Protein backbone atom coordinates (compact mmCIF):
# COMPACT_ATOMS: atom_id res chain seq x y z
CA MET A 1 0.19 -0.16 -0.01
CA LYS A 2 0.97 3.46 -0.83
CA ILE A 3 0.69 6.19 1.64
CA ASN A 4 0.34 9.78 0.48
CA HIS A 5 2.66 11.32 3.56
CA GLY A 6 1.49 14.69 2.75
CA LYS A 7 -1.98 13.79 3.49
CA LEU A 8 -1.14 11.69 6.37
CA ASP A 9 0.62 14.51 7.98
CA ALA A 10 -2.26 16.79 7.31
CA LEU A 11 -4.63 14.35 9.31
CA LEU A 12 -2.39 13.77 12.19
CA GLY A 13 -1.96 17.55 12.45
CA LYS A 14 -5.79 18.08 12.38
CA ILE A 15 -6.07 15.19 15.40
CA LEU A 16 -3.58 16.95 17.16
CA ASP A 17 -4.93 20.42 16.91
CA ALA A 18 -8.35 18.96 17.72
CA HIS A 19 -6.46 17.94 21.00
CA LYS A 20 -4.53 21.18 21.41
CA THR A 21 -7.85 23.02 21.25
CA GLY A 22 -9.58 20.90 23.72
CA GLU A 23 -12.19 19.43 21.38
CA VAL A 24 -10.80 15.80 22.02
CA SER A 25 -9.07 14.57 25.09
CA ARG A 26 -5.45 13.06 24.97
CA ASN A 27 -6.78 9.53 24.93
CA GLU A 28 -9.18 10.18 22.16
CA ALA A 29 -6.49 11.62 19.69
CA ILE A 30 -4.20 8.80 20.70
CA GLY A 31 -7.25 6.15 19.80
CA ALA A 32 -7.86 8.06 16.20
CA ILE A 33 -4.04 8.00 15.57
CA ALA A 34 -3.75 4.18 16.56
CA HIS A 35 -6.88 3.21 14.65
CA VAL A 36 -5.10 4.83 11.47
CA VAL A 37 -1.94 3.23 12.15
CA ALA A 38 -3.73 -0.22 12.47
CA ALA A 39 -5.36 -0.03 9.22
CA VAL A 40 -2.12 0.68 7.57
CA GLU A 41 -0.38 -2.28 9.49
CA LYS A 42 -3.17 -4.58 8.53
CA GLY A 43 -3.10 -3.18 4.78
CA ASN A 44 -6.85 -2.01 5.15
CA GLU A 45 -6.58 0.31 2.16
CA THR A 46 -10.43 1.13 2.18
CA GLU A 47 -10.20 2.63 5.70
CA VAL A 48 -6.72 4.30 5.02
CA HIS A 49 -8.17 5.77 1.93
CA SER A 50 -11.10 7.15 3.79
CA TRP A 51 -9.19 8.69 6.59
CA LEU A 52 -6.82 10.30 4.12
CA ASN A 53 -8.99 11.22 1.13
CA ASN A 54 -12.40 11.85 2.65
CA GLU A 55 -12.82 14.78 4.99
CA GLY A 56 -16.06 13.29 6.14
CA THR A 57 -14.57 10.50 8.11
CA TYR A 58 -12.78 13.05 10.03
CA GLU A 59 -15.50 15.05 10.80
CA ARG A 60 -18.07 12.12 11.64
CA TRP A 61 -15.24 10.87 14.25
CA LEU A 62 -14.92 14.57 15.85
CA LYS A 63 -18.82 14.89 16.06
CA MET A 64 -18.92 11.04 17.40
CA ILE A 65 -16.57 12.19 20.26
CA LYS A 66 -18.14 15.64 20.94
CA SER A 67 -21.62 13.71 21.31
CA GLN A 68 -20.44 11.47 24.01
């Protein structure tokens, strides 16, 4: 699987920024990052592609976190 590191950096930055601003907890940010890393490790291209190329995936995660 080929990873677009620019898009990965952007996603990680958004997750870390959400933590920095208090939108999500440290553990929630770690969980999202771990989820993406595990998808890469397992070769789950569909999941990785969704996180890196579909803004809606990040937005749905953030909305889910905020509703808890």
